[in-house]
Amino acid sequence: MIEVNEVWLSREPMDMRAGPDTALARVIKQFGKATPHTAYVFANKRGNRVKVLIIDAFGVWLAARRLHQGKFVWSRLREGAAIALDQEQLASLMVGLPWQYASKIHAFDRV
């Protein structure tokens, strides 16, 4: 099981051809270091692809997700500091829901 204690959403788009080493270099450049048990989320310019780099105690994981229709709901500001997300917001983002409104208090549910 991969343990994730923190999630950071990068505002700046990333080239989706980037592999784990390039994504890790970007994390180090943006955050100064890569913290264990942390997930870093990146999107492409179009907003239809996402990569998640997860650092654990043994190495790095790089997961990719692509939407065939529509776009991931992203920050309107494409520059600036990264945004901290909680687990509910990450889950909402990954299925294409507006993560800004997801929290423990306001949970999305299938009807």
C-alpha atoms as a PDB file:
ATOM      1  CA  MET A   1       0.000   0.000   0.000  1.00  0.00           C
ATOM      2  CA  ILE A   2       1.301   3.429  -0.906  1.00  0.00           C
ATOM      3  CA  GLU A   3       1.011   5.877   1.966  1.00  0.00           C
ATOM      4  CA  VAL A   4       0.301   9.495   0.996  1.00  0.00           C
ATOM      5  CA  ASN A   5       0.194  12.110   3.751  1.00  0.00           C
ATOM      6  CA  GLU A   6       0.422  15.268   1.638  1.00  0.00           C
ATOM      7  CA  VAL A   7      -0.782  16.183  -1.852  1.00  0.00           C
ATOM      8  CA  TRP A   8       0.459  19.185  -3.827  1.00  0.00           C
ATOM      9  CA  LEU A   9      -1.151  20.456  -7.018  1.00  0.00           C
ATOM     10  CA  SER A  10       1.246  22.216  -9.378  1.00  0.00           C
ATOM     11  CA  ARG A  11      -0.266  25.177 -11.196  1.00  0.00           C
ATOM     12  CA  GLU A  12       2.236  25.146 -14.059  1.00  0.00           C
ATOM     13  CA  PRO A  13       1.628  22.693 -16.918  1.00  0.00           C
ATOM     14  CA  MET A  14       4.064  19.840 -17.496  1.00  0.00           C
ATOM     15  CA  ASP A  15       5.029  18.025 -20.683  1.00  0.00           C
ATOM     16  CA  MET A  16       3.330  14.633 -20.407  1.00  0.00           C
ATOM     17  CA  ARG A  17       6.285  12.930 -22.116  1.00  0.00           C
ATOM     18  CA  ALA A  18       8.184  13.452 -18.852  1.00  0.00           C
ATOM     19  CA  GLY A  19       9.209  10.296 -17.076  1.00  0.00           C
ATOM     20  CA  PRO A  20       9.816   9.768 -13.360  1.00  0.00           C
ATOM     21  CA  ASP A  21      13.277  11.370 -13.398  1.00  0.00           C
ATOM     22  CA  THR A  22      12.092  14.525 -15.168  1.00  0.00           C
ATOM     23  CA  ALA A  23       9.050  14.807 -12.896  1.00  0.00           C
ATOM     24  CA  LEU A  24      11.245  14.330  -9.821  1.00  0.00           C
ATOM     25  CA  ALA A  25      13.646  17.029 -11.061  1.00  0.00           C
ATOM     26  CA  ARG A  26      10.678  19.372 -11.480  1.00  0.00           C
ATOM     27  CA  VAL A  27       9.526  18.654  -7.923  1.00  0.00           C
ATOM     28  CA  ILE A  28      12.992  19.391  -6.558  1.00  0.00           C
ATOM     29  CA  LYS A  29      13.192  22.595  -8.602  1.00  0.00           C
ATOM     30  CA  GLN A  30       9.754  23.789  -7.463  1.00  0.00           C
ATOM     31  CA  PHE A  31       9.782  22.623  -3.821  1.00  0.00           C
ATOM     32  CA  GLY A  32      13.497  22.436  -3.008  1.00  0.00           C
ATOM     33  CA  LYS A  33      13.262  18.758  -2.052  1.00  0.00           C
ATOM     34  CA  ALA A  34      11.105  15.684  -2.568  1.00  0.00           C
ATOM     35  CA  THR A  35       9.388  14.692   0.668  1.00  0.00           C
ATOM     36  CA  PRO A  36       8.537  11.017   1.385  1.00  0.00           C
ATOM     37  CA  HIS A  37       4.847  10.055   1.483  1.00  0.00           C
ATOM     38  CA  THR A  38       3.937  13.047  -0.667  1.00  0.00           C
ATOM     39  CA  ALA A  39       2.085  13.151  -4.001  1.00  0.00           C
ATOM     40  CA  TYR A  40       2.754  15.869  -6.568  1.00  0.00           C
ATOM     41  CA  VAL A  41       0.064  16.365  -9.231  1.00  0.00           C
ATOM     42  CA  PHE A  42       0.775  17.874 -12.672  1.00  0.00           C
ATOM     43  CA  ALA A  43      -1.409  18.480 -15.743  1.00  0.00           C
ATOM     44  CA  ASN A  44      -0.662  19.230 -19.379  1.00  0.00           C
ATOM     45  CA  LYS A  45      -1.547  22.527 -21.088  1.00  0.00           C
ATOM     46  CA  ARG A  46      -4.843  21.213 -22.456  1.00  0.00           C
ATOM     47  CA  GLY A  47      -5.900  19.881 -19.069  1.00  0.00           C
ATOM     48  CA  ASN A  48      -6.947  16.460 -20.341  1.00  0.00           C
ATOM     49  CA  ARG A  49      -3.967  14.538 -18.896  1.00  0.00           C
ATOM     50  CA  VAL A  50      -2.619  14.298 -15.367  1.00  0.00           C
ATOM     51  CA  LYS A  51       0.512  12.759 -13.887  1.00  0.00           C
ATOM     52  CA  VAL A  52       0.945  12.064 -10.193  1.00  0.00           C
ATOM     53  CA  LEU A  53       4.428  11.565  -8.778  1.00  0.00           C
ATOM     54  CA  ILE A  54       4.410   9.811  -5.407  1.00  0.00           C
ATOM     55  CA  ILE A  55       7.501   9.598  -3.261  1.00  0.00           C
ATOM     56  CA  ASP A  56       7.568   6.759  -0.742  1.00  0.00           C
ATOM     57  CA  ALA A  57      10.267   5.276   1.478  1.00  0.00           C
ATOM     58  CA  PHE A  58      11.532   2.975  -1.305  1.00  0.00           C
ATOM     59  CA  GLY A  59      11.456   5.126  -4.432  1.00  0.00           C
ATOM     60  CA  VAL A  60       9.094   6.980  -6.741  1.00  0.00           C
ATOM     61  CA  TRP A  61       5.808   6.086  -8.423  1.00  0.00           C
ATOM     62  CA  LEU A  62       4.533   7.886 -11.510  1.00  0.00           C
ATOM     63  CA  ALA A  63       0.895   7.430 -12.436  1.00  0.00           C
ATOM     64  CA  ALA A  64      -0.840   8.894 -15.482  1.00  0.00           C
ATOM     65  CA  ARG A  65      -4.516   9.483 -16.245  1.00  0.00           C
ATOM     66  CA  ARG A  66      -6.135  10.763 -19.426  1.00  0.00           C
ATOM     67  CA  LEU A  67      -9.677  11.922 -20.078  1.00  0.00           C
ATOM     68  CA  HIS A  68     -11.097  11.016 -23.478  1.00  0.00           C
ATOM     69  CA  GLN A  69     -13.628  13.847 -23.241  1.00  0.00           C
ATOM     70  CA  GLY A  70     -13.549  17.072 -21.285  1.00  0.00           C
ATOM     71  CA  LYS A  71     -10.840  18.427 -19.019  1.00  0.00           C
ATOM     72  CA  PHE A  72      -9.678  18.063 -15.459  1.00  0.00           C
ATOM     73  CA  VAL A  73     -10.813  20.931 -13.247  1.00  0.00           C
ATOM     74  CA  TRP A  74      -7.623  22.859 -12.569  1.00  0.00           C
ATOM     75  CA  SER A  75      -6.572  26.062 -10.896  1.00  0.00           C
ATOM     76  CA  ARG A  76      -7.453  29.150 -12.952  1.00  0.00           C
ATOM     77  CA  LEU A  77      -4.039  30.589 -12.177  1.00  0.00           C
ATOM     78  CA  ARG A  78      -1.386  28.789 -14.224  1.00  0.00           C
ATOM     79  CA  GLU A  79       1.528  30.375 -12.368  1.00  0.00           C
ATOM     80  CA  GLY A  80       2.475  30.678  -8.738  1.00  0.00           C
ATOM     81  CA  ALA A  81       2.931  28.460  -5.734  1.00  0.00           C
ATOM     82  CA  ALA A  82       1.548  24.942  -5.588  1.00  0.00           C
ATOM     83  CA  ILE A  83      -1.769  24.263  -3.851  1.00  0.00           C
ATOM     84  CA  ALA A  84      -2.154  21.774  -0.987  1.00  0.00           C
ATOM     85  CA  LEU A  85      -5.002  19.287  -1.470  1.00  0.00           C
ATOM     86  CA  ASP A  86      -6.592  16.826   0.931  1.00  0.00           C
ATOM     87  CA  GLN A  87      -7.554  13.241   0.044  1.00  0.00           C
ATOM     88  CA  GLU A  88     -11.152  14.144  -0.865  1.00  0.00           C
ATOM     89  CA  GLN A  89     -10.002  16.917  -3.188  1.00  0.00           C
ATOM     90  CA  LEU A  90      -7.505  14.593  -4.899  1.00  0.00           C
ATOM     91  CA  ALA A  91     -10.191  11.932  -5.389  1.00  0.00           C
ATOM     92  CA  SER A  92     -12.530  14.538  -6.909  1.00  0.00           C
ATOM     93  CA  LEU A  93      -9.818  15.871  -9.205  1.00  0.00           C
ATOM     94  CA  MET A  94      -8.949  12.392 -10.494  1.00  0.00           C
ATOM     95  CA  VAL A  95     -12.525  11.714 -11.640  1.00  0.00           C
ATOM     96  CA  GLY A  96     -12.958  15.149 -13.198  1.00  0.00           C
ATOM     97  CA  LEU A  97     -15.093  16.799 -10.521  1.00  0.00           C
ATOM     98  CA  PRO A  98     -14.493  20.350  -9.236  1.00  0.00           C
ATOM     99  CA  TRP A  99     -11.998  19.641  -6.424  1.00  0.00           C
ATOM    100  CA  GLN A 100     -12.315  23.174  -5.015  1.00  0.00           C
ATOM    101  CA  TYR A 101     -15.678  22.241  -3.467  1.00  0.00           C
ATOM    102  CA  ALA A 102     -14.725  18.793  -2.175  1.00  0.00           C
ATOM    103  CA  SER A 103     -13.898  18.371   1.502  1.00  0.00           C
ATOM    104  CA  LYS A 104     -14.868  16.213   4.435  1.00  0.00           C
ATOM    105  CA  ILE A 105     -17.847  18.496   5.017  1.00  0.00           C
ATOM    106  CA  HIS A 106     -19.000  18.666   1.384  1.00  0.00           C
ATOM    107  CA  ALA A 107     -18.563  15.213  -0.124  1.00  0.00           C
ATOM    108  CA  PHE A 108     -19.561  14.247  -3.653  1.00  0.00           C
ATOM    109  CA  ASP A 109     -21.623  11.096  -3.886  1.00  0.00           C
ATOM    110  CA  ARG A 110     -23.027   9.097  -6.761  1.00  0.00           C
ATOM    111  CA  VAL A 111     -26.771   9.427  -7.088  1.00  0.00           C
END
